[in-house]
Amino acid sequence: MREPQIDYAAVFRALPGMVALLTPDLVYADANDDFLRLAGRTRDQLLGRYIFDVFPENPNDAAAAGRRETEASMLRVVSSGERDTMALLRYDIEDPTRPGVWQEHYWSPVNAPVLGPDGKVALVVHRVEEITELIRARGNPGDDDRARVLEAELYTRARELQEVNERLRRAHAREREVALALQAAMLPAPGPAGRHAAAVRYRPATGALNVCGDWYDLVDLPGGDLAVAVGDVVGHGLAAACVMGQLRSALSAACRVADGPARALEALGLYARSVEGAESTTVVTAFVDRAARTVTYSSAGHPPPALLHPDGTVTFLDEATDPPLAARPEHLARPQTRTSFEEGATLVLYTDGLIERRTEDIDASLARLSGSLALHRARDPESLADALLADLLPAAGNSDDTALVVIRL
């Protein structure tokens, strides 16, 4: 059987409803007969002309947003290659026979891509339905026929918007999966930390995209010393994961050559000024000198590390705190403080997802952490890390990602 010979140009022009084709520059390439008839324009008045030159926005309507919303929708189609369903829209049309006279119109627009051989958007299909009479019918409860038509129209739009939302959810799920894979690659389980027993944990936020801004690192220093750090990038998803990877690598290198945590954070702060999205990152770094039994630390706006003593008391290391990275207009030296520890003490570093709750004061959050540490002080780092997560993270799931480092000194 031979395939039928179809004149697609004739089919396009005969399509019911208003349909136009525009280039990625939003210039009319074609329009079907219904579009020309209902818009009150000839083909020559459309083809080759910019959409908003043909249909300018009503200058008498100070609240008009039709042009901005329509242009934004079409440009989203061009950039994403995906259909964009707009909300019901008011866009007045100038009477072609009476310049300066504007007629109130309401439209239901959908914009969709036509891809070229290179996979890029070659054309934008602009389908609009004139629903002015349907909108006016809302003010006339006795017009049952119009009300039913309006209800059907709104139902159709709701279904289309539901499809758009579902595509967005799938896209977000893909981004979250990629971001978590990137996070796992950049935050591997550490090997032996010299003579220190250590445990690390990372818990992504539950059912959300605000993941992958937290990191941890353990760096062996000359002479058997150890540098440990945790940080939290503002933002979420892939962008935050990429910034996190850059900052983690830079701090790891700085710790190996700096003469203390403050100098390491100073170098990181200078680097952060050149990394988009690194502003206001919080991070704390501690250098552990096992021979001298001291911890030297410096914090850039981060929650204070906890030092769990063998007797169960807890000291929060909060005496060397400065603003987050790149938060000040000028570069200044950062403070650092040294504290001693006893054999068998435990150092705990964490991000705010472990302790902070929107409904409580930070002091209450730290008190809860202190109580959990004292309760489980006899545990080894691995089981202590698990106990802290069980005690402190909400049973319904954490709304922020969490990084945790536990080191037996």
Protein backbone atom coordinates (compact mmCIF):
# COMPACT_ATOMS: atom_id res chain seq x y z
CA MET A 1 0.00 0.00 0.00
CA ARG A 2 1.38 3.36 -1.01
CA GLU A 3 1.70 6.02 1.63
CA PRO A 4 -0.78 8.86 1.10
CA GLN A 5 0.65 12.08 -0.25
CA ILE A 6 -0.13 14.69 2.39
CA ASP A 7 0.14 18.40 1.84
CA TYR A 8 1.27 19.34 5.35
CA ALA A 9 1.18 23.05 4.56
CA ALA A 10 -2.53 22.73 3.72
CA VAL A 11 -3.09 20.66 6.87
CA PHE A 12 -1.39 23.32 8.99
CA ARG A 13 -3.48 26.11 7.55
CA ALA A 14 -6.69 24.11 8.09
CA LEU A 15 -5.95 23.21 11.72
CA PRO A 16 -8.80 24.23 14.04
CA GLY A 17 -7.81 26.86 16.56
CA MET A 18 -5.18 29.56 16.43
CA VAL A 19 -1.68 28.24 15.65
CA ALA A 20 1.39 30.20 14.61
CA LEU A 21 5.04 29.29 14.01
CA LEU A 22 7.82 31.58 15.19
CA THR A 23 11.59 31.49 14.85
CA PRO A 24 13.77 31.31 18.01
CA ASP A 25 14.06 35.12 17.64
CA LEU A 26 10.24 35.29 17.99
CA VAL A 27 9.64 36.31 14.38
CA TYR A 28 6.53 34.95 12.64
CA ALA A 29 7.33 32.18 10.14
CA ASP A 30 3.74 31.09 9.43
CA ALA A 31 0.21 31.14 10.84
CA ASN A 32 -2.86 29.07 10.13
CA ASP A 33 -6.14 30.45 8.80
CA ASP A 34 -7.89 30.55 12.20
CA PHE A 35 -5.02 32.55 13.66
CA LEU A 36 -5.23 35.14 10.88
CA ARG A 37 -9.02 35.35 11.07
CA LEU A 38 -9.35 35.62 14.86
CA ALA A 39 -6.34 37.92 15.26
CA GLY A 40 -7.63 40.21 12.53
CA ARG A 41 -4.35 40.22 10.61
CA THR A 42 -3.33 39.20 7.11
CA ARG A 43 -0.46 36.84 6.37
CA ASP A 44 1.61 39.70 4.98
CA GLN A 45 1.12 41.64 8.21
CA LEU A 46 2.62 38.73 10.21
CA LEU A 47 5.30 36.87 8.28
CA GLY A 48 8.85 38.05 8.89
CA ARG A 49 7.85 40.41 11.69
CA TYR A 50 8.66 40.33 15.41
CA ILE A 51 5.68 39.14 17.44
CA PHE A 52 5.49 42.20 19.68
CA ASP A 53 5.79 44.58 16.71
CA VAL A 54 2.65 42.98 15.30
CA PHE A 55 0.91 42.77 18.67
CA PRO A 56 2.28 45.49 20.97
CA GLU A 57 1.12 45.63 24.54
CA ASN A 58 -1.71 47.97 25.47
CA PRO A 59 0.07 51.19 26.59
CA ASN A 60 -3.05 52.27 28.49
CA ASP A 61 -2.90 49.30 30.88
CA ALA A 62 -0.30 50.07 33.55
CA ALA A 63 -0.64 46.58 35.05
CA ALA A 64 -0.22 44.74 31.75
CA ALA A 65 2.12 41.76 31.95
CA GLY A 66 1.07 39.82 28.86
CA ARG A 67 4.17 40.63 26.81
CA ARG A 68 6.59 39.79 29.61
CA GLU A 69 4.89 36.49 30.40
CA THR A 70 4.50 35.45 26.75
CA GLU A 71 8.10 36.31 25.90
CA ALA A 72 9.40 34.47 28.97
CA SER A 73 7.41 31.36 28.06
CA MET A 74 8.67 31.30 24.48
CA LEU A 75 12.27 31.84 25.51
CA ARG A 76 11.96 28.97 28.00
CA VAL A 77 10.90 26.76 25.11
CA VAL A 78 13.88 27.92 23.04
CA SER A 79 16.36 27.30 25.86
CA SER A 80 14.91 24.07 27.26
CA GLY A 81 13.48 22.39 24.17
CA GLU A 82 10.33 21.53 26.16
CA ARG A 83 6.69 22.58 25.93
CA ASP A 84 5.54 25.42 28.15
CA THR A 85 1.87 25.78 29.12
CA MET A 86 0.96 29.26 30.26
CA ALA A 87 -1.71 30.33 32.72
CA LEU A 88 -4.80 32.10 31.39
CA LEU A 89 -3.61 35.46 30.08
CA ARG A 90 -5.07 38.89 29.35
CA TYR A 91 -3.54 40.48 26.26
CA ASP A 92 -5.46 43.30 24.60
CA ILE A 93 -5.39 43.66 20.81
CA GLU A 94 -5.38 46.95 18.89
CA ASP A 95 -8.23 47.19 16.40
CA PRO A 96 -6.50 47.09 12.97
CA THR A 97 -9.14 49.40 11.51
CA ARG A 98 -9.07 51.91 14.38
CA PRO A 99 -5.53 52.71 15.55
CA GLY A 100 -5.38 53.52 19.25
CA VAL A 101 -8.52 51.55 20.06
CA TRP A 102 -7.78 48.49 22.17
CA GLN A 103 -10.07 45.52 22.61
CA GLU A 104 -9.98 43.42 25.78
CA HIS A 105 -8.99 39.80 25.09
CA TYR A 106 -8.21 36.73 27.19
CA TRP A 107 -6.14 33.83 25.86
CA SER A 108 -5.07 30.33 26.83
CA PRO A 109 -1.58 29.89 25.28
CA VAL A 110 0.66 26.84 24.87
CA ASN A 111 4.16 27.06 23.36
CA ALA A 112 6.00 24.00 22.06
CA PRO A 113 9.34 23.37 20.30
CA VAL A 114 10.06 22.04 16.83
CA LEU A 115 13.57 20.60 16.79
CA GLY A 116 15.88 20.83 13.81
CA PRO A 117 18.31 18.14 12.57
CA ASP A 118 20.94 19.42 15.04
CA GLY A 119 18.60 18.86 17.99
CA LYS A 120 18.19 22.57 18.62
CA VAL A 121 14.89 24.43 18.59
CA ALA A 122 14.19 25.55 15.01
CA LEU A 123 10.65 26.82 15.50
CA VAL A 124 8.24 27.61 18.32
CA VAL A 125 4.65 26.44 17.90
CA HIS A 126 2.43 29.10 19.48
CA ARG A 127 -1.12 27.78 20.00
CA VAL A 128 -3.64 30.10 21.61
CA GLU A 129 -7.34 29.79 22.29
CA GLU A 130 -9.50 32.89 22.43
CA ILE A 131 -11.43 32.58 25.70
CA THR A 132 -12.65 36.14 26.16
CA GLU A 133 -16.30 35.12 26.00
CA LEU A 134 -15.69 32.26 28.39
CA ILE A 135 -14.13 34.60 30.94
CA ARG A 136 -17.06 36.99 30.60
CA ALA A 137 -19.45 34.07 31.11
CA ARG A 138 -18.12 33.73 34.64
CA GLY A 139 -20.04 36.88 35.50
CA ASN A 140 -23.34 35.43 34.23
CA PRO A 141 -24.33 32.43 36.40
CA GLY A 142 -27.47 31.89 34.34
CA ASP A 143 -25.53 31.02 31.21
CA ASP A 144 -25.15 27.29 31.90
CA ASP A 145 -23.74 26.43 28.48
CA ARG A 146 -20.92 28.94 28.76
CA ALA A 147 -20.20 27.90 32.33
CA ARG A 148 -19.87 24.27 31.26
CA VAL A 149 -17.53 25.22 28.43
CA LEU A 150 -15.42 27.30 30.80
CA GLU A 151 -15.28 24.42 33.27
CA ALA A 152 -14.08 22.08 30.52
CA GLU A 153 -11.45 24.61 29.43
CA LEU A 154 -10.12 25.06 32.94
CA TYR A 155 -10.05 21.28 33.41
CA THR A 156 -8.00 20.92 30.23
CA ARG A 157 -5.55 23.57 31.41
CA ALA A 158 -5.28 21.93 34.83
CA ARG A 159 -4.39 18.62 33.19
CA GLU A 160 -1.73 20.26 31.03
CA LEU A 161 -0.24 22.07 34.00
CA GLN A 162 -0.25 18.78 35.89
CA GLU A 163 1.79 17.23 33.08
CA VAL A 164 4.25 20.13 33.24
CA ASN A 165 4.60 19.71 37.00
CA GLU A 166 5.20 16.00 36.56
CA ARG A 167 8.00 16.70 34.07
CA LEU A 168 9.51 19.15 36.54
CA ARG A 169 9.38 16.54 39.30
CA ARG A 170 11.13 14.02 37.07
CA ALA A 171 13.78 16.59 36.14
CA HIS A 172 14.32 17.42 39.82
CA ALA A 173 14.62 13.73 40.64
CA ARG A 174 17.27 13.30 37.93
CA GLU A 175 19.19 16.31 39.20
CA ARG A 176 19.05 15.01 42.76
CA GLU A 177 20.31 11.59 41.65
CA VAL A 178 23.22 13.12 39.74
CA ALA A 179 24.05 15.49 42.61
CA LEU A 180 24.09 12.64 45.12
CA ALA A 181 26.33 10.56 42.85
CA LEU A 182 28.70 13.50 42.56
CA GLN A 183 28.60 13.95 46.33
CA ALA A 184 29.45 10.29 46.89
CA ALA A 185 32.38 10.51 44.49
CA MET A 186 33.81 13.57 46.24
CA LEU A 187 33.19 12.37 49.80
CA PRO A 188 34.58 8.83 49.95
CA ALA A 189 34.86 7.00 53.23
CA PRO A 190 38.26 7.94 54.70
CA GLY A 191 41.07 5.52 55.25
CA PRO A 192 42.96 5.27 58.54
CA ALA A 193 43.50 8.74 60.00
CA GLY A 194 46.93 8.08 61.37
CA ARG A 195 46.62 6.82 64.94
CA HIS A 196 43.15 8.35 65.27
CA ALA A 197 39.99 6.25 65.00
CA ALA A 198 37.50 8.21 62.91
CA ALA A 199 33.99 7.84 61.52
CA VAL A 200 32.25 10.02 58.93
CA ARG A 201 28.61 10.24 57.87
CA TYR A 202 26.71 12.08 55.17
CA ARG A 203 22.91 12.13 55.12
CA PRO A 204 21.14 13.92 52.23
CA ALA A 205 17.97 15.87 52.85
CA THR A 206 14.85 13.76 52.54
CA GLY A 207 12.76 14.23 49.42
CA ALA A 208 14.22 17.60 48.45
CA LEU A 209 16.84 19.21 46.27
CA ASN A 210 18.62 21.05 49.09
CA VAL A 211 21.39 18.46 49.13
CA CYS A 212 25.07 18.33 48.30
CA GLY A 213 26.29 21.60 49.81
CA ASP A 214 27.89 19.92 52.86
CA TRP A 215 31.32 18.35 52.94
CA TYR A 216 33.93 16.88 55.25
CA ASP A 217 37.64 16.17 54.92
CA LEU A 218 40.41 14.48 56.87
CA VAL A 219 44.02 15.31 55.97
CA ASP A 220 47.12 13.56 57.33
CA LEU A 221 49.77 16.14 58.25
CA PRO A 222 53.53 15.66 58.70
CA GLY A 223 54.59 14.12 62.01
CA GLY A 224 51.36 12.17 62.48
CA ASP A 225 49.17 15.22 63.02
CA LEU A 226 45.69 15.48 61.51
CA ALA A 227 43.60 18.26 59.95
CA VAL A 228 39.82 17.86 59.89
CA ALA A 229 37.21 20.14 58.34
CA VAL A 230 33.50 20.35 57.65
CA GLY A 231 31.76 22.97 55.53
CA ASP A 232 28.38 24.00 54.16
CA VAL A 233 27.82 25.77 50.85
CA VAL A 234 24.78 28.01 50.48
CA GLY A 235 22.51 26.67 47.75
CA HIS A 236 21.48 23.21 46.66
CA GLY A 237 21.61 20.61 43.91
CA LEU A 238 24.30 20.30 41.27
CA ALA A 239 25.46 23.91 41.55
CA ALA A 240 26.14 23.54 45.28
CA ALA A 241 27.82 20.17 44.75
CA CYS A 242 30.22 21.66 42.21
CA VAL A 243 31.09 24.61 44.47
CA MET A 244 31.52 22.20 47.38
CA GLY A 245 33.99 20.11 45.38
CA GLN A 246 36.09 23.15 44.52
CA LEU A 247 36.20 24.45 48.08
CA ARG A 248 36.91 21.05 49.60
CA SER A 249 39.85 20.47 47.27
CA ALA A 250 41.21 23.98 47.86
CA LEU A 251 41.00 23.63 51.66
CA SER A 252 42.58 20.19 51.55
CA ALA A 253 45.57 21.65 49.69
CA ALA A 254 45.75 24.70 51.97
CA CYS A 255 45.81 22.54 55.12
CA ARG A 256 48.87 20.71 53.82
CA VAL A 257 50.96 23.87 53.48
CA ALA A 258 49.49 26.35 56.00
CA ASP A 259 50.99 26.70 59.47
CA GLY A 260 47.58 26.52 61.14
CA PRO A 261 43.83 26.42 60.52
CA ALA A 262 43.44 30.21 60.45
CA ARG A 263 45.93 30.56 57.60
CA ALA A 264 44.24 27.68 55.77
CA LEU A 265 40.87 29.44 56.02
CA GLU A 266 42.42 32.74 54.93
CA ALA A 267 43.69 31.07 51.75
CA LEU A 268 40.30 29.44 51.20
CA GLY A 269 38.54 32.77 51.70
CA LEU A 270 40.67 34.41 49.02
CA TYR A 271 39.95 31.54 46.65
CA ALA A 272 36.20 31.66 47.42
CA ARG A 273 36.02 35.24 46.10
CA SER A 274 36.74 33.88 42.60
CA VAL A 275 34.21 31.00 42.76
CA GLU A 276 30.64 31.89 41.86
CA GLY A 277 28.25 30.60 44.51
CA ALA A 278 30.94 30.26 47.22
CA GLU A 279 29.93 33.43 49.05
CA SER A 280 28.71 32.93 52.62
CA THR A 281 29.96 29.34 52.78
CA THR A 282 30.56 28.30 56.40
CA VAL A 283 33.46 26.04 57.36
CA VAL A 284 35.43 25.04 60.45
CA THR A 285 38.92 23.54 60.44
CA ALA A 286 40.82 21.91 63.31
CA PHE A 287 44.44 20.74 63.49
CA VAL A 288 45.03 17.89 65.95
CA ASP A 289 48.50 17.60 67.50
CA ARG A 290 48.48 14.20 69.18
CA ALA A 291 51.95 14.53 70.72
CA ALA A 292 51.05 17.80 72.44
CA ARG A 293 47.42 16.70 72.94
CA THR A 294 46.03 19.95 71.56
CA VAL A 295 43.39 20.95 69.06
CA THR A 296 43.89 24.23 67.22
CA TYR A 297 40.80 25.45 65.42
CA SER A 298 39.31 28.31 63.41
CA SER A 299 35.74 28.80 62.25
CA ALA A 300 34.23 30.80 59.39
CA GLY A 301 30.68 31.22 60.65
CA HIS A 302 30.17 27.49 61.26
CA PRO A 303 28.52 25.74 64.23
CA PRO A 304 31.17 25.04 66.90
CA PRO A 305 32.90 21.63 67.08
CA ALA A 306 32.22 19.63 70.24
CA LEU A 307 35.01 18.18 72.38
CA LEU A 308 33.68 15.25 74.42
CA HIS A 309 35.87 14.59 77.47
CA PRO A 310 36.25 11.08 78.93
CA ASP A 311 34.15 12.04 81.97
CA GLY A 312 31.19 12.93 79.72
CA THR A 313 31.46 16.72 79.89
CA VAL A 314 31.32 18.58 76.59
CA THR A 315 33.16 21.73 75.55
CA PHE A 316 32.07 23.64 72.45
CA LEU A 317 35.01 25.14 70.56
CA ASP A 318 33.54 28.58 69.91
CA GLU A 319 36.34 31.01 70.76
CA ALA A 320 37.73 31.52 67.25
CA THR A 321 34.70 32.34 65.12
CA ASP A 322 34.67 34.79 62.22
CA PRO A 323 32.18 35.58 59.40
CA PRO A 324 31.62 33.06 56.56
CA LEU A 325 33.82 32.98 53.47
CA ALA A 326 33.83 36.13 51.30
CA ALA A 327 31.21 37.74 53.56
CA ARG A 328 33.34 40.82 54.24
CA PRO A 329 34.28 43.35 51.55
CA GLU A 330 37.94 43.29 52.58
CA HIS A 331 40.28 40.40 53.40
CA LEU A 332 41.31 40.21 57.06
CA ALA A 333 43.31 37.73 59.10
CA ARG A 334 41.21 35.06 60.83
CA PRO A 335 41.54 34.05 64.50
CA GLN A 336 42.49 30.65 65.83
CA THR A 337 42.49 29.14 69.33
CA ARG A 338 44.20 26.14 70.89
CA THR A 339 42.71 23.85 73.53
CA SER A 340 44.09 20.74 75.19
CA PHE A 341 42.47 17.30 75.48
CA GLU A 342 42.92 14.13 77.51
CA GLU A 343 43.64 10.69 76.12
CA GLY A 344 40.34 9.14 75.04
CA ALA A 345 38.56 12.42 74.31
CA THR A 346 36.39 12.67 71.18
CA LEU A 347 36.23 15.52 68.68
CA VAL A 348 32.95 15.97 66.77
CA LEU A 349 32.49 18.26 63.77
CA TYR A 350 29.15 18.58 61.98
CA THR A 351 27.00 20.77 59.75
CA ASP A 352 23.87 22.59 60.88
CA GLY A 353 21.55 19.90 59.51
CA LEU A 354 22.45 17.76 62.53
CA ILE A 355 21.31 20.20 65.19
CA GLU A 356 19.31 23.17 63.95
CA ARG A 357 15.51 23.25 64.08
CA ARG A 358 13.45 26.16 62.81
CA THR A 359 11.31 26.27 65.94
CA GLU A 360 14.05 26.32 68.58
CA ASP A 361 16.95 28.45 69.75
CA ILE A 362 20.49 27.38 68.83
CA ASP A 363 21.35 26.95 72.52
CA ALA A 364 18.64 24.29 72.83
CA SER A 365 20.03 22.56 69.75
CA LEU A 366 23.54 22.50 71.18
CA ALA A 367 22.23 21.27 74.54
CA ARG A 368 20.54 18.35 72.78
CA LEU A 369 23.82 17.48 71.02
CA SER A 370 25.72 17.72 74.32
CA GLY A 371 23.24 15.40 76.03
CA SER A 372 23.50 12.80 73.28
CA LEU A 373 27.30 12.89 73.38
CA ALA A 374 27.35 12.42 77.15
CA LEU A 375 24.87 9.57 76.96
CA HIS A 376 26.91 7.64 74.37
CA ARG A 377 30.41 8.70 75.46
CA ALA A 378 31.64 5.11 75.90
CA ARG A 379 30.93 4.15 72.31
CA ASP A 380 33.56 3.88 69.58
CA PRO A 381 33.45 6.50 66.77
CA GLU A 382 31.41 4.37 64.36
CA SER A 383 28.64 3.52 66.81
CA LEU A 384 28.74 7.03 68.30
CA ALA A 385 28.18 8.53 64.85
CA ASP A 386 25.17 6.27 64.31
CA ALA A 387 23.79 7.12 67.75
CA LEU A 388 24.08 10.86 67.12
CA LEU A 389 22.18 10.58 63.84
CA ALA A 390 19.49 8.45 65.48
CA ASP A 391 19.10 10.86 68.40
CA LEU A 392 19.27 14.18 66.56
CA LEU A 393 17.80 13.78 63.08
CA PRO A 394 13.99 14.00 62.90
CA ALA A 395 12.21 10.68 62.55
CA ALA A 396 10.16 12.08 59.67
CA GLY A 397 13.34 12.86 57.70
CA ASN A 398 15.82 15.71 57.72
CA SER A 399 15.04 18.88 55.76
CA ASP A 400 18.73 19.73 55.29
CA ASP A 401 21.70 17.58 54.40
CA THR A 402 24.07 16.64 57.21
CA ALA A 403 27.78 15.93 57.39
CA LEU A 404 29.34 14.48 60.56
CA VAL A 405 32.90 13.62 61.61
CA VAL A 406 33.72 11.79 64.87
CA ILE A 407 37.39 11.36 65.91
CA ARG A 408 38.69 9.52 68.97
CA LEU A 409 41.77 11.43 70.19
